[in-house]
């Protein structure tokens, strides 16, 4: 029931954002009392919120402004919303709402909101607001979302650097420059083991290259850190760009997962079941083709998803995915043709080659260029075992 209420609340706020977005923002001349700040929102329990969020707040009580510029909204009413989402062609939207409306979702979800006020002069505040208003024009507010390189955090980073005329210098000493994109993502999903597995299955080899410090800011938490230690040029040398972070909204810590190793346990049970089935196969001569159809059919379906994300979508980070070595669509065809007698020789040859390939992958699991998800190791071992048995039984 809580999730239903949450969905209704979020839908209402998104509709409100769209309603506000359809109107032009009034011309505003900010006063010296205006503040520009970076808002960083903590992780939520739902998958869509697991990496946190960032937004820009511009407040000036003298002129009655308290706006939040949010690059993380999208239009559910778009008839191609789901196809575009899957294909990596989804346009995100810069929306504007009042801070009060923005805050409501985070109150309901019991998430923290942190605020870092920028140390800007009045002219720079006005320049930033004017730049955001240009971004907010109907012809400019849509952008093609890219999870790693063009998202609700990187857009904020870029407009701060581009719209503020004084030079901003980042101190990256607090960021670990040895970490890959995959490494940076994993802490956010450690309490959601199945989501962690799904992300690792879909990310390709490019996610394993070390992320440059500038690129760390695709995650809101790392952008908060990077800006906290940034400086801005002044006549008397460099001064801190940001004031100390303050907590605007108290949240709660996410619940700990009761069983972080659930995927590994499940696939280990499948390996044990495969060993039991194999024992009965060899001892009593009974065939368990239904078991092989289920295993190879489901892995083949996973292969269809991986192959589509590589070749049929614009998700660049999902290309060149080494998981396609063991999870590929041909398994689906092999499972369907398993008991067709006239194709017995071809299917036997297929599983013989597959047994060798799976064994080689198990040996090289930790040395291939891409980090393969370890929970799948027992499943690949089960596939190697059953492939070898099928090669023998189909002789």
Protein backbone atom coordinates (compact mmCIF):
# COMPACT_ATOMS: atom_id res chain seq x y z
CA UNK A 1 0.00 0.00 0.00
CA UNK A 2 2.88 2.36 0.78
CA UNK A 3 4.19 1.88 -2.77
CA UNK A 4 0.76 2.72 -4.22
CA UNK A 5 0.64 5.93 -2.18
CA UNK A 6 4.20 6.73 -3.23
CA UNK A 7 3.36 6.23 -6.92
CA UNK A 8 0.31 8.50 -6.65
CA UNK A 9 2.37 11.18 -4.89
CA UNK A 10 5.21 11.06 -7.43
CA UNK A 11 2.79 11.08 -10.36
CA UNK A 12 1.05 14.10 -8.89
CA UNK A 13 4.33 15.95 -8.39
CA UNK A 14 5.51 15.10 -11.90
CA UNK A 15 2.23 16.39 -13.30
CA UNK A 16 2.68 19.52 -11.20
CA UNK A 17 6.20 19.90 -12.56
CA UNK A 18 4.84 19.55 -16.09
CA UNK A 19 2.11 22.10 -15.39
CA UNK A 20 4.68 24.51 -14.07
CA UNK A 21 6.92 23.63 -16.96
CA UNK A 22 4.30 24.63 -19.52
CA UNK A 23 4.34 28.20 -18.23
CA UNK A 24 7.14 30.61 -18.88
CA UNK A 25 9.11 31.69 -15.86
CA UNK A 26 8.64 35.36 -15.06
CA UNK A 27 11.54 37.74 -15.50
CA UNK A 28 13.22 38.13 -12.13
CA UNK A 29 16.03 40.41 -11.03
CA UNK A 30 17.66 38.79 -8.04
CA UNK A 31 18.70 40.85 -5.04
CA UNK A 32 21.77 40.55 -2.83
CA UNK A 33 19.72 38.33 -0.53
CA UNK A 34 19.41 35.62 -3.20
CA UNK A 35 21.05 32.26 -2.66
CA UNK A 36 22.03 29.61 -5.18
CA UNK A 37 22.55 26.14 -3.83
CA UNK A 38 23.19 22.56 -4.83
CA UNK A 39 20.65 20.10 -3.42
CA UNK A 40 21.75 16.51 -2.94
CA UNK A 41 19.13 13.91 -2.05
CA UNK A 42 20.04 10.62 -0.43
CA UNK A 43 19.24 7.16 -1.75
CA UNK A 44 15.70 5.86 -1.66
CA UNK A 45 14.42 2.31 -1.26
CA UNK A 46 12.88 2.11 -4.72
CA UNK A 47 15.09 1.13 -7.62
CA UNK A 48 14.55 4.42 -9.50
CA UNK A 49 15.92 6.35 -6.52
CA UNK A 50 18.76 4.09 -5.49
CA UNK A 51 21.52 6.38 -6.77
CA UNK A 52 20.22 9.56 -5.16
CA UNK A 53 19.41 12.82 -6.91
CA UNK A 54 20.67 16.37 -7.45
CA UNK A 55 18.94 19.68 -8.20
CA UNK A 56 19.61 23.44 -8.14
CA UNK A 57 17.75 25.72 -5.77
CA UNK A 58 17.50 29.49 -6.31
CA UNK A 59 15.87 31.39 -3.47
CA UNK A 60 15.25 35.09 -3.00
CA UNK A 61 12.63 35.96 -0.38
CA UNK A 62 12.63 39.64 -1.39
CA UNK A 63 11.22 38.83 -4.83
CA UNK A 64 9.21 35.78 -3.74
CA UNK A 65 11.32 33.17 -5.52
CA UNK A 66 12.12 29.69 -4.20
CA UNK A 67 12.61 27.57 -7.30
CA UNK A 68 14.14 24.15 -7.81
CA UNK A 69 15.56 23.34 -11.24
CA UNK A 70 15.42 19.60 -11.75
CA UNK A 71 17.07 17.84 -14.71
CA UNK A 72 15.72 14.45 -13.62
CA UNK A 73 12.10 14.47 -14.83
CA UNK A 74 10.50 12.82 -17.82
CA UNK A 75 7.12 12.68 -19.54
CA UNK A 76 5.02 9.58 -18.78
CA UNK A 77 2.45 10.69 -21.34
CA UNK A 78 4.88 10.20 -24.23
CA UNK A 79 3.39 7.29 -26.26
CA UNK A 80 6.91 5.99 -26.91
CA UNK A 81 8.03 6.28 -23.28
CA UNK A 82 8.71 2.58 -22.66
CA UNK A 83 10.21 1.74 -26.09
CA UNK A 84 12.50 4.78 -25.85
CA UNK A 85 13.49 3.85 -22.29
CA UNK A 86 14.51 0.34 -23.36
CA UNK A 87 16.32 1.58 -26.48
CA UNK A 88 18.22 4.32 -24.65
CA UNK A 89 16.42 7.08 -26.53
CA UNK A 90 14.49 8.57 -23.61
CA UNK A 91 14.42 12.33 -23.38
CA UNK A 92 14.69 13.77 -19.89
CA UNK A 93 13.36 17.22 -19.11
CA UNK A 94 14.50 20.20 -17.12
CA UNK A 95 11.50 21.03 -14.93
CA UNK A 96 10.95 23.79 -12.38
CA UNK A 97 8.94 23.59 -9.20
CA UNK A 98 8.79 25.35 -5.88
CA UNK A 99 11.06 23.98 -3.19
CA UNK A 100 7.99 23.04 -1.15
CA UNK A 101 6.65 20.83 -3.94
CA UNK A 102 10.08 19.33 -4.57
CA UNK A 103 10.45 18.46 -0.91
CA UNK A 104 7.19 16.53 -0.63
CA UNK A 105 8.49 13.37 -2.31
CA UNK A 106 11.49 13.26 -0.01
CA UNK A 107 9.35 13.78 3.09
CA UNK A 108 7.19 10.83 2.08
CA UNK A 109 10.19 8.64 1.27
CA UNK A 110 12.03 9.74 4.43
CA UNK A 111 15.13 10.73 2.48
CA UNK A 112 17.73 13.32 3.39
CA UNK A 113 18.12 16.57 1.48
CA UNK A 114 21.49 18.30 1.84
CA UNK A 115 22.07 21.88 0.73
CA UNK A 116 25.38 23.50 -0.27
CA UNK A 117 25.12 27.25 -0.85
CA UNK A 118 27.48 28.65 -3.49
CA UNK A 119 29.61 31.66 -2.59
CA UNK A 120 28.65 33.79 -5.57
CA UNK A 121 28.20 37.50 -6.06
CA UNK A 122 24.87 38.93 -7.14
CA UNK A 123 25.93 39.21 -10.80
CA UNK A 124 26.90 35.52 -10.93
CA UNK A 125 23.63 34.47 -9.31
CA UNK A 126 21.75 36.39 -11.98
CA UNK A 127 23.88 34.88 -14.76
CA UNK A 128 23.17 31.40 -13.44
CA UNK A 129 19.43 32.03 -13.21
CA UNK A 130 19.38 33.49 -16.72
CA UNK A 131 21.29 30.46 -18.06
CA UNK A 132 18.84 28.10 -16.39
CA UNK A 133 15.94 30.02 -17.90
CA UNK A 134 17.50 29.61 -21.35
CA UNK A 135 17.89 25.88 -20.66
CA UNK A 136 14.25 25.85 -19.61
CA UNK A 137 12.91 27.20 -22.90
CA UNK A 138 10.67 24.60 -24.61
CA UNK A 139 13.20 24.07 -27.39
CA UNK A 140 16.06 23.50 -24.90
CA UNK A 141 14.59 21.71 -21.91
CA UNK A 142 14.71 18.19 -23.41
CA UNK A 143 17.93 16.21 -23.53
CA UNK A 144 18.90 12.64 -24.39
CA UNK A 145 19.63 10.98 -21.09
CA UNK A 146 22.83 9.01 -20.58
CA UNK A 147 23.20 7.37 -17.18
CA UNK A 148 26.98 7.85 -16.92
CA UNK A 149 27.74 10.93 -18.96
CA UNK A 150 24.65 13.13 -19.26
CA UNK A 151 22.24 12.94 -16.36
CA UNK A 152 20.57 15.02 -13.65
CA UNK A 153 23.91 15.47 -11.83
CA UNK A 154 26.29 16.10 -14.74
CA UNK A 155 23.97 18.74 -16.20
CA UNK A 156 24.21 20.69 -12.94
CA UNK A 157 27.99 20.30 -12.79
CA UNK A 158 28.29 21.59 -16.34
CA UNK A 159 26.04 24.62 -15.97
CA UNK A 160 27.81 25.70 -12.78
CA UNK A 161 31.18 25.56 -14.52
CA UNK A 162 29.96 27.16 -17.76
CA UNK A 163 27.66 29.90 -16.44
CA UNK A 164 29.83 31.18 -13.60
CA UNK A 165 32.50 33.41 -15.18
CA UNK A 166 35.12 33.00 -12.47
CA UNK A 167 37.38 29.98 -12.63
CA UNK A 168 36.36 26.99 -10.49
CA UNK A 169 39.07 24.55 -9.39
CA UNK A 170 38.29 21.09 -8.05
CA UNK A 171 40.35 19.27 -5.44
CA UNK A 172 40.00 15.63 -6.38
CA UNK A 173 42.09 14.28 -3.49
CA UNK A 174 38.95 13.02 -1.75
CA UNK A 175 37.98 10.90 -4.76
CA UNK A 176 39.48 7.49 -5.49
CA UNK A 177 40.82 7.79 -9.04
CA UNK A 178 41.48 4.03 -9.28
CA UNK A 179 37.78 3.12 -9.22
CA UNK A 180 35.87 2.16 -12.34
CA UNK A 181 32.31 3.21 -13.09
CA UNK A 182 31.19 -0.23 -11.95
CA UNK A 183 33.10 0.16 -8.66
CA UNK A 184 31.43 3.53 -8.07
CA UNK A 185 27.97 2.09 -8.63
CA UNK A 186 28.26 -0.99 -6.44
CA UNK A 187 28.02 0.66 -2.97
CA UNK A 188 24.60 2.03 -3.93
CA UNK A 189 23.21 -1.45 -4.64
CA UNK A 190 24.89 -3.52 -1.93
CA UNK A 191 21.60 -3.77 -0.01
CA UNK A 192 19.71 -4.81 -3.16
CA UNK A 193 21.51 -7.98 -4.32
CA UNK A 194 19.19 -8.78 -7.23
CA UNK A 195 19.38 -5.23 -8.57
CA UNK A 196 23.16 -5.41 -8.18
CA UNK A 197 23.21 -8.63 -10.19
CA UNK A 198 20.99 -7.18 -12.92
CA UNK A 199 23.18 -4.10 -13.30
CA UNK A 200 26.33 -6.20 -13.49
CA UNK A 201 24.76 -8.45 -16.12
CA UNK A 202 23.84 -5.52 -18.36
CA UNK A 203 26.95 -3.33 -18.03
CA UNK A 204 29.59 -3.95 -20.69
CA UNK A 205 33.35 -3.77 -20.56
CA UNK A 206 33.44 0.04 -20.81
CA UNK A 207 32.04 0.23 -17.26
CA UNK A 208 35.30 -1.30 -16.03
CA UNK A 209 37.60 1.48 -17.11
CA UNK A 210 38.75 3.85 -14.33
CA UNK A 211 36.48 6.89 -14.11
CA UNK A 212 38.29 10.20 -14.37
CA UNK A 213 37.71 12.47 -11.34
CA UNK A 214 35.50 14.79 -13.42
CA UNK A 215 33.38 11.76 -14.34
CA UNK A 216 32.86 10.71 -10.71
CA UNK A 217 30.26 13.46 -10.55
CA UNK A 218 27.71 11.41 -12.48
CA UNK A 219 26.69 10.22 -9.00
CA UNK A 220 25.14 12.90 -6.75
CA UNK A 221 27.07 11.78 -3.66
CA UNK A 222 30.42 12.24 -5.44
CA UNK A 223 29.34 15.58 -6.89
CA UNK A 224 28.57 16.74 -3.35
CA UNK A 225 32.10 15.74 -2.31
CA UNK A 226 33.79 17.28 -5.35
CA UNK A 227 32.01 20.63 -4.92
CA UNK A 228 32.57 20.63 -1.16
CA UNK A 229 36.32 20.91 -1.81
CA UNK A 230 36.12 23.15 -4.89
CA UNK A 231 37.47 26.69 -4.88
CA UNK A 232 36.59 29.79 -6.87
CA UNK A 233 38.99 32.45 -8.10
CA UNK A 234 38.99 35.83 -6.31
CA UNK A 235 41.25 38.90 -6.33
CA UNK A 236 42.88 37.64 -3.13
CA UNK A 237 43.39 34.06 -4.26
CA UNK A 238 41.08 31.07 -4.32
CA UNK A 239 38.24 30.86 -1.81
CA UNK A 240 35.83 27.96 -1.12
CA UNK A 241 33.12 27.71 -3.75
CA UNK A 242 30.63 26.18 -1.34
CA UNK A 243 29.53 26.83 2.19
CA UNK A 244 29.43 23.87 4.56
CA UNK A 245 26.63 21.39 3.70
CA UNK A 246 23.52 21.70 5.83
CA UNK A 247 20.68 19.23 6.29
CA UNK A 248 17.41 20.67 4.99
CA UNK A 249 15.43 17.50 5.56
CA UNK A 250 16.15 14.69 7.97
CA UNK A 251 15.73 11.21 6.55
CA UNK A 252 16.45 7.69 7.70
CA UNK A 253 19.06 5.15 6.83
CA UNK A 254 18.11 2.49 4.30
CA UNK A 255 17.30 -0.94 5.80
CA UNK A 256 20.03 -3.54 5.57
CA UNK A 257 19.49 -6.50 3.29
CA UNK A 258 18.77 -9.68 5.23
CA UNK A 259 20.57 -11.82 2.67
CA UNK A 260 23.08 -10.00 0.48
CA UNK A 261 24.30 -13.30 -0.99
CA UNK A 262 20.84 -14.43 -2.10
CA UNK A 263 21.72 -14.66 -5.85
CA UNK A 264 24.84 -16.72 -5.19
CA UNK A 265 22.85 -19.02 -2.89
CA UNK A 266 20.05 -19.51 -5.46
CA UNK A 267 22.45 -20.33 -8.29
CA UNK A 268 24.48 -22.60 -6.04
CA UNK A 269 21.26 -24.54 -5.38
CA UNK A 270 20.77 -24.80 -9.15
CA UNK A 271 24.28 -26.22 -9.46
CA UNK A 272 23.53 -28.79 -6.75
CA UNK A 273 20.28 -29.69 -8.51
CA UNK A 274 22.16 -30.07 -11.79
CA UNK A 275 24.63 -32.39 -10.05
CA UNK A 276 21.75 -34.47 -8.64
CA UNK A 277 20.04 -34.65 -12.03
CA UNK A 278 23.34 -35.67 -13.62
CA UNK A 279 23.87 -38.41 -11.02
CA UNK A 280 20.43 -39.89 -11.77
CA UNK A 281 21.14 -39.51 -15.51
CA UNK A 282 24.31 -41.54 -15.34
CA UNK A 283 23.22 -44.09 -12.71
CA UNK A 284 19.72 -44.90 -13.89
CA UNK A 285 19.82 -43.76 -17.50
CA UNK A 286 16.91 -41.39 -17.08
CA UNK A 287 16.81 -38.22 -19.16
CA UNK A 288 15.88 -34.87 -17.68
CA UNK A 289 15.42 -32.84 -20.84
CA UNK A 290 12.82 -30.67 -19.10
CA UNK A 291 15.50 -29.49 -16.70
CA UNK A 292 17.88 -28.65 -19.53
CA UNK A 293 15.15 -26.87 -21.45
CA UNK A 294 14.41 -24.68 -18.43
CA UNK A 295 18.06 -23.84 -17.71
CA UNK A 296 19.18 -23.17 -21.27
CA UNK A 297 15.87 -21.57 -22.25
CA UNK A 298 16.00 -19.01 -19.44
CA UNK A 299 19.68 -18.26 -20.04
CA UNK A 300 18.86 -17.87 -23.75
CA UNK A 301 16.16 -15.32 -22.89
CA UNK A 302 18.72 -13.43 -20.81
CA UNK A 303 20.99 -13.55 -23.84
CA UNK A 304 18.27 -11.95 -25.96
CA UNK A 305 18.09 -9.05 -23.49
CA UNK A 306 21.88 -8.63 -23.36
CA UNK A 307 22.20 -8.83 -27.15
CA UNK A 308 19.41 -6.31 -27.67
CA UNK A 309 20.95 -3.83 -25.24
CA UNK A 310 24.28 -4.20 -27.05
CA UNK A 311 23.16 -4.14 -30.66
CA UNK A 312 19.63 -2.69 -30.57
CA UNK A 313 19.87 0.20 -28.13
CA UNK A 314 21.84 3.41 -27.68
CA UNK A 315 23.04 2.43 -24.19
CA UNK A 316 26.74 2.72 -24.96
CA UNK A 317 27.76 1.38 -21.55
CA UNK A 318 25.90 -1.87 -22.31
CA UNK A 319 27.88 -2.59 -25.49
CA UNK A 320 30.77 -5.08 -25.69
CA UNK A 321 29.29 -7.20 -22.92
CA UNK A 322 31.35 -10.32 -22.16
CA UNK A 323 28.37 -11.93 -20.43
CA UNK A 324 27.18 -12.76 -23.93
CA UNK A 325 29.86 -15.48 -24.00
CA UNK A 326 27.77 -17.66 -21.67
CA UNK A 327 24.31 -16.06 -21.92
CA UNK A 328 23.48 -15.86 -25.61
CA UNK A 329 20.27 -16.34 -27.65
CA UNK A 330 21.48 -19.58 -29.29
CA UNK A 331 20.73 -21.40 -26.02
CA UNK A 332 17.06 -20.64 -26.58
CA UNK A 333 17.11 -22.35 -29.97
CA UNK A 334 19.11 -25.32 -28.63
CA UNK A 335 16.60 -25.80 -25.80
CA UNK A 336 13.69 -25.79 -28.26
CA UNK A 337 15.36 -28.29 -30.64
CA UNK A 338 16.79 -30.55 -27.95
CA UNK A 339 14.66 -33.67 -28.61
CA UNK A 340 14.21 -33.41 -32.38
CA UNK A 341 15.75 -36.69 -33.55
CA UNK A 342 16.82 -35.58 -37.03
CA UNK A 343 18.84 -32.75 -35.50
CA UNK A 344 20.39 -34.97 -32.82
CA UNK A 345 23.92 -34.79 -34.29
CA UNK A 346 23.85 -30.99 -34.63
CA UNK A 347 22.50 -30.49 -31.11
CA UNK A 348 25.09 -32.92 -29.70
CA UNK A 349 27.86 -30.95 -31.41
CA UNK A 350 26.41 -27.70 -30.05
CA UNK A 351 26.48 -28.90 -26.45
CA UNK A 352 29.94 -30.39 -26.86
CA UNK A 353 31.32 -27.03 -28.00
CA UNK A 354 29.34 -25.28 -25.27
CA UNK A 355 30.79 -27.56 -22.56
CA UNK A 356 34.34 -26.65 -23.62
CA UNK A 357 33.48 -22.95 -23.84
CA UNK A 358 31.85 -22.90 -20.39
CA UNK A 359 34.82 -24.72 -18.83
CA UNK A 360 37.26 -22.26 -20.39
CA UNK A 361 35.20 -19.33 -19.12
CA UNK A 362 35.17 -20.77 -15.59
CA UNK A 363 38.97 -21.03 -15.68
CA UNK A 364 39.34 -17.47 -17.04
CA UNK A 365 36.48 -15.92 -15.02
CA UNK A 366 38.67 -13.52 -13.07
CA UNK A 367 41.07 -12.55 -15.87
CA UNK A 368 38.72 -11.51 -18.68
CA UNK A 369 38.75 -7.72 -19.27
CA UNK A 370 35.23 -7.32 -17.90
CA UNK A 371 34.14 -7.97 -14.31
CA UNK A 372 31.71 -10.87 -14.59
CA UNK A 373 29.13 -11.21 -11.79
CA UNK A 374 30.36 -13.91 -9.42
CA UNK A 375 26.83 -15.09 -8.41
CA UNK A 376 26.54 -16.47 -11.96
CA UNK A 377 29.64 -18.67 -11.55
CA UNK A 378 27.64 -21.65 -10.19
CA UNK A 379 25.08 -21.29 -12.99
CA UNK A 380 27.80 -21.37 -15.65
CA UNK A 381 29.27 -24.42 -13.89
CA UNK A 382 25.83 -26.08 -14.04
CA UNK A 383 25.60 -25.26 -17.75
CA UNK A 384 29.06 -26.77 -18.34
CA UNK A 385 28.06 -29.93 -16.49
CA UNK A 386 24.74 -30.35 -18.30
CA UNK A 387 26.33 -29.58 -21.67
CA UNK A 388 28.88 -32.33 -21.12
CA UNK A 389 26.14 -34.78 -20.10
CA UNK A 390 23.99 -33.89 -23.11
CA UNK A 391 27.00 -34.39 -25.40
CA UNK A 392 27.41 -37.89 -23.92
CA UNK A 393 23.69 -38.79 -23.81
CA UNK A 394 22.95 -37.66 -27.36
CA UNK A 395 25.70 -39.87 -28.82
